[in-house]
Each structure stands twice: as structure tokens, then as C-alpha cells.
C-alpha atoms as a PDB file:
ATOM      1  CA  MET A   1      -3.059 -28.788  10.407  1.00  0.00           C
ATOM      2  CA  ARG A   2       0.039 -30.598   9.134  1.00  0.00           C
ATOM      3  CA  LEU A   3       3.083 -28.432   8.281  1.00  0.00           C
ATOM      4  CA  ALA A   4       5.612 -29.208   5.549  1.00  0.00           C
ATOM      5  CA  ASP A   5       8.025 -30.664   8.129  1.00  0.00           C
ATOM      6  CA  GLY A   6       5.364 -33.081   9.393  1.00  0.00           C
ATOM      7  CA  THR A   7       4.523 -31.128  12.551  1.00  0.00           C
ATOM      8  CA  VAL A   8       0.831 -31.288  13.434  1.00  0.00           C
ATOM      9  CA  ILE A   9      -0.792 -28.233  15.028  1.00  0.00           C
ATOM     10  CA  PRO A  10      -4.364 -28.543  16.313  1.00  0.00           C
ATOM     11  CA  ALA A  11      -6.592 -25.803  14.897  1.00  0.00           C
ATOM     12  CA  ASP A  12     -10.320 -25.147  14.861  1.00  0.00           C
ATOM     13  CA  ASP A  13      -9.988 -22.729  11.956  1.00  0.00           C
ATOM     14  CA  VAL A  14      -7.271 -21.965   9.420  1.00  0.00           C
ATOM     15  CA  LEU A  15      -7.087 -18.804   7.341  1.00  0.00           C
ATOM     16  CA  VAL A  16      -5.184 -18.997   4.067  1.00  0.00           C
ATOM     17  CA  ALA A  17      -4.462 -15.628   2.454  1.00  0.00           C
ATOM     18  CA  ILE A  18      -3.311 -16.223  -1.104  1.00  0.00           C
ATOM     19  CA  GLY A  19      -3.751 -12.782  -2.635  1.00  0.00           C
ATOM     20  CA  SER A  20      -5.847 -11.924  -5.628  1.00  0.00           C
ATOM     21  CA  LEU A  21      -5.546 -11.712  -9.354  1.00  0.00           C
ATOM     22  CA  PRO A  22      -6.879  -8.751 -11.338  1.00  0.00           C
ATOM     23  CA  ASN A  23      -9.516  -9.555 -13.942  1.00  0.00           C
ATOM     24  CA  THR A  24      -7.608  -8.646 -17.121  1.00  0.00           C
ATOM     25  CA  GLN A  25      -8.687 -11.503 -19.435  1.00  0.00           C
ATOM     26  CA  TRP A  26     -10.943  -9.117 -21.328  1.00  0.00           C
ATOM     27  CA  LEU A  27      -7.823  -7.101 -22.269  1.00  0.00           C
ATOM     28  CA  ALA A  28      -6.030 -10.096 -23.839  1.00  0.00           C
ATOM     29  CA  ASP A  29      -6.418  -8.922 -27.459  1.00  0.00           C
ATOM     30  CA  SER A  30      -6.399  -5.185 -26.749  1.00  0.00           C
ATOM     31  CA  GLY A  31      -2.724  -4.548 -27.460  1.00  0.00           C
ATOM     32  CA  LEU A  32      -2.338  -3.072 -23.978  1.00  0.00           C
ATOM     33  CA  THR A  33       0.423  -4.280 -21.671  1.00  0.00           C
ATOM     34  CA  VAL A  34      -0.850  -6.523 -18.891  1.00  0.00           C
ATOM     35  CA  HIS A  35       1.419  -7.780 -16.113  1.00  0.00           C
ATOM     36  CA  ASN A  36      -0.272  -8.340 -12.751  1.00  0.00           C
ATOM     37  CA  GLY A  37      -2.766  -5.696 -13.841  1.00  0.00           C
ATOM     38  CA  LEU A  38      -3.052  -3.135 -16.604  1.00  0.00           C
ATOM     39  CA  VAL A  39       0.375  -1.498 -16.802  1.00  0.00           C
ATOM     40  CA  CYS A  40       0.074   2.290 -16.523  1.00  0.00           C
ATOM     41  CA  ASP A  41       2.503   5.177 -16.163  1.00  0.00           C
ATOM     42  CA  GLU A  42       2.608   7.586 -13.237  1.00  0.00           C
ATOM     43  CA  TYR A  43      -0.404   9.435 -14.676  1.00  0.00           C
ATOM     44  CA  GLY A  44      -2.555   6.309 -14.995  1.00  0.00           C
ATOM     45  CA  ALA A  45      -2.125   6.119 -18.778  1.00  0.00           C
ATOM     46  CA  ALA A  46      -1.921   2.635 -20.285  1.00  0.00           C
ATOM     47  CA  ALA A  47      -1.748   4.015 -23.844  1.00  0.00           C
ATOM     48  CA  PRO A  48      -2.637   7.315 -25.513  1.00  0.00           C
ATOM     49  CA  GLY A  49      -6.225   8.053 -24.473  1.00  0.00           C
ATOM     50  CA  VAL A  50      -6.495   4.883 -22.339  1.00  0.00           C
ATOM     51  CA  TYR A  51      -6.348   5.104 -18.549  1.00  0.00           C
ATOM     52  CA  GLY A  52      -6.597   2.599 -15.752  1.00  0.00           C
ATOM     53  CA  VAL A  53      -7.588   3.116 -12.128  1.00  0.00           C
ATOM     54  CA  GLY A  54      -8.397   0.916  -9.175  1.00  0.00           C
ATOM     55  CA  ASP A  55      -7.240  -2.568  -8.341  1.00  0.00           C
ATOM     56  CA  VAL A  56      -6.773  -3.572 -11.983  1.00  0.00           C
ATOM     57  CA  ALA A  57      -4.276  -0.748 -12.645  1.00  0.00           C
ATOM     58  CA  ARG A  58      -0.576  -1.382 -12.025  1.00  0.00           C
ATOM     59  CA  TRP A  59       0.937   2.086 -12.109  1.00  0.00           C
ATOM     60  CA  TYR A  60       4.358   3.564 -11.525  1.00  0.00           C
ATOM     61  CA  ASN A  61       4.375   5.417  -8.203  1.00  0.00           C
ATOM     62  CA  PRO A  62       7.323   7.844  -8.262  1.00  0.00           C
ATOM     63  CA  LEU A  63       7.068   8.349  -4.492  1.00  0.00           C
ATOM     64  CA  PHE A  64       8.389   4.809  -4.002  1.00  0.00           C
ATOM     65  CA  ASP A  65      10.115   4.387  -7.406  1.00  0.00           C
ATOM     66  CA  VAL A  66       8.122   1.216  -8.034  1.00  0.00           C
ATOM     67  CA  SER A  67       5.180  -0.081 -10.027  1.00  0.00           C
ATOM     68  CA  MET A  68       2.367  -1.130  -7.742  1.00  0.00           C
ATOM     69  CA  ARG A  69      -1.180  -2.367  -7.769  1.00  0.00           C
ATOM     70  CA  VAL A  70      -3.213  -1.482  -4.691  1.00  0.00           C
ATOM     71  CA  GLU A  71      -6.436  -3.328  -3.941  1.00  0.00           C
ATOM     72  CA  HIS A  72      -8.183  -0.825  -1.699  1.00  0.00           C
ATOM     73  CA  ARG A  73     -11.017   1.540  -2.424  1.00  0.00           C
ATOM     74  CA  THR A  74      -9.140   4.565  -1.057  1.00  0.00           C
ATOM     75  CA  ASN A  75      -6.537   4.119  -3.781  1.00  0.00           C
ATOM     76  CA  ALA A  76      -9.151   3.613  -6.513  1.00  0.00           C
ATOM     77  CA  ALA A  77     -10.945   6.812  -5.505  1.00  0.00           C
ATOM     78  CA  GLY A  78      -7.705   8.820  -5.451  1.00  0.00           C
ATOM     79  CA  GLN A  79      -6.583   7.497  -8.826  1.00  0.00           C
ATOM     80  CA  GLY A  80      -9.969   8.270 -10.347  1.00  0.00           C
ATOM     81  CA  VAL A  81      -9.844  11.863  -9.111  1.00  0.00           C
ATOM     82  CA  ALA A  82      -6.261  12.292 -10.357  1.00  0.00           C
ATOM     83  CA  VAL A  83      -7.024  10.931 -13.839  1.00  0.00           C
ATOM     84  CA  ALA A  84     -10.185  13.046 -14.097  1.00  0.00           C
ATOM     85  CA  ARG A  85      -8.215  16.162 -13.071  1.00  0.00           C
ATOM     86  CA  ASP A  86      -5.508  15.437 -15.645  1.00  0.00           C
ATOM     87  CA  LEU A  87      -8.043  14.827 -18.418  1.00  0.00           C
ATOM     88  CA  THR A  88     -10.173  17.882 -17.703  1.00  0.00           C
ATOM     89  CA  ASP A  89      -7.324  20.296 -16.979  1.00  0.00           C
ATOM     90  CA  PRO A  90      -4.035  19.165 -18.559  1.00  0.00           C
ATOM     91  CA  SER A  91      -2.299  22.268 -17.178  1.00  0.00           C
ATOM     92  CA  ARG A  92      -2.686  20.742 -13.679  1.00  0.00           C
ATOM     93  CA  ARG A  93      -1.370  17.324 -14.727  1.00  0.00           C
ATOM     94  CA  ARG A  94       0.865  15.691 -12.147  1.00  0.00           C
ATOM     95  CA  PRO A  95       1.876  12.133 -11.317  1.00  0.00           C
ATOM     96  CA  PHE A  96      -0.275  10.054  -9.001  1.00  0.00           C
ATOM     97  CA  ALA A  97       2.324   9.719  -6.230  1.00  0.00           C
ATOM     98  CA  GLU A  98       0.132   8.962  -3.253  1.00  0.00           C
ATOM     99  CA  VAL A  99       0.912   7.102  -0.054  1.00  0.00           C
ATOM    100  CA  PRO A 100      -1.245   3.968  -0.306  1.00  0.00           C
ATOM    101  CA  TYR A 101      -3.496   3.511   2.715  1.00  0.00           C
ATOM    102  CA  PHE A 102      -5.979   1.007   3.987  1.00  0.00           C
ATOM    103  CA  TRP A 103      -7.749   0.168   7.195  1.00  0.00           C
ATOM    104  CA  SER A 104      -9.985  -2.587   8.432  1.00  0.00           C
ATOM    105  CA  ASP A 105     -12.043  -2.798  11.580  1.00  0.00           C
ATOM    106  CA  GLN A 106     -11.855  -6.320  12.976  1.00  0.00           C
ATOM    107  CA  TYR A 107     -14.477  -6.289  15.680  1.00  0.00           C
ATOM    108  CA  ASP A 108     -13.139  -3.754  18.208  1.00  0.00           C
ATOM    109  CA  THR A 109      -9.632  -3.617  16.742  1.00  0.00           C
ATOM    110  CA  LYS A 110      -8.505  -1.290  13.958  1.00  0.00           C
ATOM    111  CA  LEU A 111      -5.832  -2.398  11.474  1.00  0.00           C
ATOM    112  CA  GLN A 112      -4.171   0.398   9.438  1.00  0.00           C
ATOM    113  CA  ALA A 113      -1.334   0.556   6.951  1.00  0.00           C
ATOM    114  CA  TYR A 114       0.340   3.420   5.102  1.00  0.00           C
ATOM    115  CA  GLY A 115       2.968   3.214   2.391  1.00  0.00           C
ATOM    116  CA  HIS A 116       4.630   0.416   0.460  1.00  0.00           C
ATOM    117  CA  LEU A 117       5.046  -2.598   2.727  1.00  0.00           C
ATOM    118  CA  ARG A 118       6.647  -4.901   0.152  1.00  0.00           C
ATOM    119  CA  ASP A 119      10.277  -5.416  -0.801  1.00  0.00           C
ATOM    120  CA  HIS A 120      11.532  -3.584   2.273  1.00  0.00           C
ATOM    121  CA  ASP A 121      14.990  -3.951   3.814  1.00  0.00           C
ATOM    122  CA  GLU A 122      13.780  -3.854   7.412  1.00  0.00           C
ATOM    123  CA  ALA A 123      10.574  -4.165   9.395  1.00  0.00           C
ATOM    124  CA  LEU A 124      11.113  -2.755  12.874  1.00  0.00           C
ATOM    125  CA  VAL A 125       8.611  -3.548  15.626  1.00  0.00           C
ATOM    126  CA  LEU A 126       8.251  -0.348  17.643  1.00  0.00           C
ATOM    127  CA  ASN A 127       5.333  -1.333  19.851  1.00  0.00           C
ATOM    128  CA  SER A 128       4.161  -4.836  20.661  1.00  0.00           C
ATOM    129  CA  ASP A 129       1.741  -4.639  23.559  1.00  0.00           C
ATOM    130  CA  ARG A 130      -0.214  -7.893  23.706  1.00  0.00           C
ATOM    131  CA  ALA A 131      -2.134  -6.896  26.817  1.00  0.00           C
ATOM    132  CA  GLY A 132      -3.169  -3.587  25.212  1.00  0.00           C
ATOM    133  CA  ARG A 133      -3.724  -5.335  21.840  1.00  0.00           C
ATOM    134  CA  GLN A 134      -1.441  -2.888  20.019  1.00  0.00           C
ATOM    135  CA  LEU A 135       1.248  -3.342  17.398  1.00  0.00           C
ATOM    136  CA  LEU A 136       3.281  -0.799  15.459  1.00  0.00           C
ATOM    137  CA  ILE A 137       5.788  -1.758  12.753  1.00  0.00           C
ATOM    138  CA  ALA A 138       7.846   0.670  10.627  1.00  0.00           C
ATOM    139  CA  TYR A 139       9.246  -0.368   7.234  1.00  0.00           C
ATOM    140  CA  ARG A 140      12.566   0.792   5.775  1.00  0.00           C
ATOM    141  CA  LYS A 141      13.882   0.636   2.198  1.00  0.00           C
ATOM    142  CA  ASP A 142      17.448   1.841   1.802  1.00  0.00           C
ATOM    143  CA  ASP A 143      17.658   4.832   4.176  1.00  0.00           C
ATOM    144  CA  ARG A 144      14.012   5.831   3.962  1.00  0.00           C
ATOM    145  CA  LEU A 145      10.800   5.225   5.867  1.00  0.00           C
ATOM    146  CA  VAL A 146       8.451   3.633   3.318  1.00  0.00           C
ATOM    147  CA  GLY A 147       5.615   2.233   5.403  1.00  0.00           C
ATOM    148  CA  VAL A 148       3.929   1.686   8.737  1.00  0.00           C
ATOM    149  CA  LEU A 149       1.498  -0.953   9.943  1.00  0.00           C
ATOM    150  CA  ALA A 150      -0.550  -0.485  13.103  1.00  0.00           C
ATOM    151  CA  ILE A 151      -3.012  -2.584  15.021  1.00  0.00           C
ATOM    152  CA  GLY A 152      -5.117  -1.105  17.801  1.00  0.00           C
ATOM    153  CA  MET A 153      -3.611   2.374  17.425  1.00  0.00           C
ATOM    154  CA  SER A 154      -5.466   5.660  17.040  1.00  0.00           C
ATOM    155  CA  PRO A 155      -5.598   7.054  13.478  1.00  0.00           C
ATOM    156  CA  ARG A 156      -4.282  10.301  14.984  1.00  0.00           C
ATOM    157  CA  THR A 157      -1.104   8.455  16.036  1.00  0.00           C
ATOM    158  CA  LEU A 158      -0.387   7.574  12.413  1.00  0.00           C
ATOM    159  CA  ARG A 159      -0.708  11.069  10.925  1.00  0.00           C
ATOM    160  CA  ALA A 160       2.936  11.920  11.606  1.00  0.00           C
ATOM    161  CA  TRP A 161       4.066   8.586  10.187  1.00  0.00           C
ATOM    162  CA  ARG A 162       2.091   9.191   6.972  1.00  0.00           C
ATOM    163  CA  ALA A 163       3.580  12.688   6.641  1.00  0.00           C
ATOM    164  CA  HIS A 164       7.114  11.277   6.921  1.00  0.00           C
ATOM    165  CA  ILE A 165       6.374   8.603   4.324  1.00  0.00           C
ATOM    166  CA  ALA A 166       4.926  11.206   1.930  1.00  0.00           C
ATOM    167  CA  ALA A 167       7.938  13.481   2.447  1.00  0.00           C
ATOM    168  CA  GLY A 168      10.424  10.691   1.781  1.00  0.00           C
ATOM    169  CA  SER A 169      11.953  11.243   5.214  1.00  0.00           C
ATOM    170  CA  PRO A 170      15.218   9.503   6.063  1.00  0.00           C
ATOM    171  CA  TRP A 171      14.742   6.456   8.289  1.00  0.00           C
ATOM    172  CA  THR A 172      16.559   7.698  11.394  1.00  0.00           C
ATOM    173  CA  ALA A 173      15.004  11.168  11.262  1.00  0.00           C
ATOM    174  CA  ALA A 174      11.493   9.725  10.862  1.00  0.00           C
ATOM    175  CA  LEU A 175      11.976   7.291  13.738  1.00  0.00           C
ATOM    176  CA  THR A 176      13.380   9.982  15.997  1.00  0.00           C
ATOM    177  CA  ALA A 177      10.578  12.438  15.203  1.00  0.00           C
ATOM    178  CA  THR A 178       7.694   9.978  15.476  1.00  0.00           C
ATOM    179  CA  THR A 179       8.813   8.021  18.523  1.00  0.00           C
ATOM    180  CA  ALA A 180       9.600  11.236  20.423  1.00  0.00           C
ATOM    181  CA  ALA A 181       6.101  12.619  19.796  1.00  0.00           C
END
């Protein structure tokens, strides 16, 4: 593999992760706003009577004060339930302000992430154990814990981290509470 600076690195395989684009071409003449997905409010509404869920929906998540599009089935299922609840019982209507989550099992190693891992101010490596094949990184935006990424860690270990993200815990308090546990 040849890098931009001319350096050559031998490699048997190269993985290029370039992201994905939502299939929104069919919405081109709909009058709906499309920008990296169908633009929706915090309730999943793209327009009166029109809702979007899943990886095509770019919705405002008030928990992180940002519009996001999440490409994981756990998010699609949660959005679908929230929109159905709001449509069938408007008295229970509330914003979809979930902590995004995904996991992937790569052979015998589990990769997990909670929160919003983009546009952060700091990514702090809390555990990097190559021999034990573990990694734990916490993400900060302003003075708040906004995400955590773990490799080779027990799902139980991440429960406290998720709770702090959902609660909007201050960075230092979340670090102190979770690293002391």
C-alpha cells in the first residue's frame, strides 16, 4: 500500500471504511427536506403526518443537542416504537432522545459503542490492554461524557457508562464514578 507521502507499507489485506449514503433519491420530488437522510424533528416527524425512522432518518436528538443519523438496527427499532407510541397515544408523546448503541462480534471479540462519538472535544483512552485484547475510550464534549467505545469488555462493564451518558453527567463526575467501580 502506498501512502500519500510515498511511504510503502506491505499489506496482505486493506480495509477501506468510507461510510454509507442513505437511499433518499426516491424523495427527490417529495417536498421533504433531505440532507444526509430525511430530516426529522425530535419526534421523528419530517412533515405533518410524515415520519422517518431507521438509517434513512436524520433526527434531532435533544440528549446530545445535535441532528444525527444512526445506521444500526437497535436505533431503528427504538425509533419505530417511539413513533408508533406517539401516533397511537399523543398524550404520551415525547422526544426520541436515546443513547445510540451498537455492538459487533468480531470472532471472539466484542466491539460496543454508546453515545455520540462524533464531533467530540476529547477521546480519552482509559484501558489499552493489548495482551488482554481490551480497549476502553471515553468521549467528552464540552464538560460532558457523550460516548464510550469498548473492545473486549463485558456488556455489564458498560452499563454504568451508558447511564452516565443518558443522564448527561459531567465529564469528571462520570470518570470518577465509572473508573472507581
